[in-house]
């Protein structure tokens, strides 16, 4: 069963862009998901267990990175939707690039 997660990251510090870019870089490097980002949020599509395992791993990595540098806190806002048809099948979500 596939799902989609829409996630937004709000680092509570002046240098927020670096925290967001590192989070997105790690998520994109995984390679198992379709990841679509825009200026407001990121959507991640893939198998249920894989997506939620990646979310858990990347949330932890972000919090631990902030903790180790004593550079602040962050807020994640996340929505999970599904079940979705597997990627590439009829009924799978088709996303258009942001304009």
C-alpha atoms as a PDB file:
ATOM      1  CA  UNK A   1       0.000   0.000   0.000  1.00  0.00           C
ATOM      2  CA  UNK A   2       1.375   3.411  -0.987  1.00  0.00           C
ATOM      3  CA  UNK A   3       0.815   6.657   0.896  1.00  0.00           C
ATOM      4  CA  UNK A   4       1.639  10.299   0.499  1.00  0.00           C
ATOM      5  CA  UNK A   5       3.073  12.552   3.173  1.00  0.00           C
ATOM      6  CA  UNK A   6       3.053  16.313   2.967  1.00  0.00           C
ATOM      7  CA  UNK A   7       5.619  17.771   5.342  1.00  0.00           C
ATOM      8  CA  UNK A   8       6.771  21.280   6.187  1.00  0.00           C
ATOM      9  CA  UNK A   9       9.803  22.114   8.308  1.00  0.00           C
ATOM     10  CA  UNK A  10      10.044  25.342  10.285  1.00  0.00           C
ATOM     11  CA  UNK A  11      13.449  25.722  11.984  1.00  0.00           C
ATOM     12  CA  UNK A  12      13.171  28.268  14.795  1.00  0.00           C
ATOM     13  CA  UNK A  13      16.459  30.019  14.091  1.00  0.00           C
ATOM     14  CA  UNK A  14      17.911  32.721  11.863  1.00  0.00           C
ATOM     15  CA  UNK A  15      19.773  30.274   9.579  1.00  0.00           C
ATOM     16  CA  UNK A  16      16.680  28.268   8.706  1.00  0.00           C
ATOM     17  CA  UNK A  17      17.478  27.604   5.032  1.00  0.00           C
ATOM     18  CA  UNK A  18      20.454  25.325   5.745  1.00  0.00           C
ATOM     19  CA  UNK A  19      18.404  23.089   8.034  1.00  0.00           C
ATOM     20  CA  UNK A  20      15.673  22.746   5.404  1.00  0.00           C
ATOM     21  CA  UNK A  21      18.104  22.051   2.547  1.00  0.00           C
ATOM     22  CA  UNK A  22      19.926  19.346   4.537  1.00  0.00           C
ATOM     23  CA  UNK A  23      16.590  17.672   5.349  1.00  0.00           C
ATOM     24  CA  UNK A  24      15.521  17.733   1.686  1.00  0.00           C
ATOM     25  CA  UNK A  25      18.930  16.533   0.462  1.00  0.00           C
ATOM     26  CA  UNK A  26      18.776  13.490   2.751  1.00  0.00           C
ATOM     27  CA  UNK A  27      15.202  12.726   1.699  1.00  0.00           C
ATOM     28  CA  UNK A  28      16.016  13.006  -2.022  1.00  0.00           C
ATOM     29  CA  UNK A  29      19.166  10.889  -1.638  1.00  0.00           C
ATOM     30  CA  UNK A  30      17.087   7.926  -0.440  1.00  0.00           C
ATOM     31  CA  UNK A  31      15.896   7.189  -3.986  1.00  0.00           C
ATOM     32  CA  UNK A  32      12.903   5.001  -3.031  1.00  0.00           C
ATOM     33  CA  UNK A  33      10.306   7.768  -3.179  1.00  0.00           C
ATOM     34  CA  UNK A  34       8.838  10.350  -5.439  1.00  0.00           C
ATOM     35  CA  UNK A  35       9.636  13.649  -3.720  1.00  0.00           C
ATOM     36  CA  UNK A  36       7.995  16.877  -4.877  1.00  0.00           C
ATOM     37  CA  UNK A  37       8.998  20.142  -3.202  1.00  0.00           C
ATOM     38  CA  UNK A  38       7.674  23.656  -3.522  1.00  0.00           C
ATOM     39  CA  UNK A  39       8.067  26.822  -1.464  1.00  0.00           C
ATOM     40  CA  UNK A  40       5.445  25.723   1.079  1.00  0.00           C
ATOM     41  CA  UNK A  41       5.978  21.986   1.636  1.00  0.00           C
ATOM     42  CA  UNK A  42       7.363  18.717   0.372  1.00  0.00           C
ATOM     43  CA  UNK A  43       5.295  15.725  -0.685  1.00  0.00           C
ATOM     44  CA  UNK A  44       6.723  12.226  -0.428  1.00  0.00           C
ATOM     45  CA  UNK A  45       5.048   9.256  -2.140  1.00  0.00           C
ATOM     46  CA  UNK A  46       5.886   5.584  -1.763  1.00  0.00           C
ATOM     47  CA  UNK A  47       5.226   2.377   0.165  1.00  0.00           C
ATOM     48  CA  UNK A  48       3.721   2.943   3.614  1.00  0.00           C
ATOM     49  CA  UNK A  49       6.474   1.377   5.743  1.00  0.00           C
ATOM     50  CA  UNK A  50       9.302   2.886   3.692  1.00  0.00           C
ATOM     51  CA  UNK A  51       7.897   6.429   3.757  1.00  0.00           C
ATOM     52  CA  UNK A  52       7.134   6.403   7.474  1.00  0.00           C
ATOM     53  CA  UNK A  53      10.517   4.847   8.297  1.00  0.00           C
ATOM     54  CA  UNK A  54      12.209   7.612   6.293  1.00  0.00           C
ATOM     55  CA  UNK A  55      10.119  10.294   8.040  1.00  0.00           C
ATOM     56  CA  UNK A  56      11.071   8.911  11.444  1.00  0.00           C
ATOM     57  CA  UNK A  57      14.757   8.722  10.483  1.00  0.00           C
ATOM     58  CA  UNK A  58      14.895  12.230   8.987  1.00  0.00           C
ATOM     59  CA  UNK A  59      12.940  13.919  11.767  1.00  0.00           C
ATOM     60  CA  UNK A  60      15.361  12.375  14.260  1.00  0.00           C
ATOM     61  CA  UNK A  61      18.409  13.413  12.208  1.00  0.00           C
ATOM     62  CA  UNK A  62      17.121  16.983  12.036  1.00  0.00           C
ATOM     63  CA  UNK A  63      16.420  17.206  15.766  1.00  0.00           C
ATOM     64  CA  UNK A  64      19.747  15.591  16.646  1.00  0.00           C
ATOM     65  CA  UNK A  65      21.596  18.005  14.336  1.00  0.00           C
ATOM     66  CA  UNK A  66      19.973  20.967  16.044  1.00  0.00           C
ATOM     67  CA  UNK A  67      20.673  19.523  19.482  1.00  0.00           C
ATOM     68  CA  UNK A  68      24.338  18.769  18.766  1.00  0.00           C
ATOM     69  CA  UNK A  69      24.993  22.346  17.653  1.00  0.00           C
ATOM     70  CA  UNK A  70      22.734  23.892  20.308  1.00  0.00           C
ATOM     71  CA  UNK A  71      21.294  25.990  17.482  1.00  0.00           C
ATOM     72  CA  UNK A  72      17.603  25.957  18.278  1.00  0.00           C
ATOM     73  CA  UNK A  73      14.490  23.949  17.749  1.00  0.00           C
ATOM     74  CA  UNK A  74      12.261  23.097  14.806  1.00  0.00           C
ATOM     75  CA  UNK A  75       8.612  22.428  14.094  1.00  0.00           C
ATOM     76  CA  UNK A  76       7.432  19.829  11.579  1.00  0.00           C
ATOM     77  CA  UNK A  77       3.879  19.901  10.222  1.00  0.00           C
ATOM     78  CA  UNK A  78       2.902  16.656   8.529  1.00  0.00           C
ATOM     79  CA  UNK A  79      -0.190  15.276   6.805  1.00  0.00           C
ATOM     80  CA  UNK A  80      -0.485  11.643   5.755  1.00  0.00           C
ATOM     81  CA  UNK A  81      -2.937  10.499   3.111  1.00  0.00           C
ATOM     82  CA  UNK A  82      -3.756   7.170   1.554  1.00  0.00           C
ATOM     83  CA  UNK A  83      -4.087   4.511   0.575  1.00  0.00           C
ATOM     84  CA  UNK A  84      -2.850   5.409  -2.881  1.00  0.00           C
ATOM     85  CA  UNK A  85      -2.466   3.262  -5.953  1.00  0.00           C
ATOM     86  CA  UNK A  86       1.166   2.166  -6.388  1.00  0.00           C
ATOM     87  CA  UNK A  87       3.289   4.586  -8.422  1.00  0.00           C
ATOM     88  CA  UNK A  88       3.002   3.981 -12.147  1.00  0.00           C
ATOM     89  CA  UNK A  89      -0.396   2.271 -11.967  1.00  0.00           C
ATOM     90  CA  UNK A  90      -3.776   3.601 -13.045  1.00  0.00           C
ATOM     91  CA  UNK A  91      -5.133   5.875 -10.330  1.00  0.00           C
ATOM     92  CA  UNK A  92      -1.720   6.873  -8.997  1.00  0.00           C
ATOM     93  CA  UNK A  93      -1.443  10.596  -8.249  1.00  0.00           C
ATOM     94  CA  UNK A  94      -0.008  12.664 -11.060  1.00  0.00           C
ATOM     95  CA  UNK A  95       1.694  15.852  -9.948  1.00  0.00           C
ATOM     96  CA  UNK A  96       2.467  18.808 -12.117  1.00  0.00           C
ATOM     97  CA  UNK A  97       5.544  20.936 -11.447  1.00  0.00           C
ATOM     98  CA  UNK A  98       4.898  24.191  -9.601  1.00  0.00           C
ATOM     99  CA  UNK A  99       4.728  27.250 -11.834  1.00  0.00           C
END
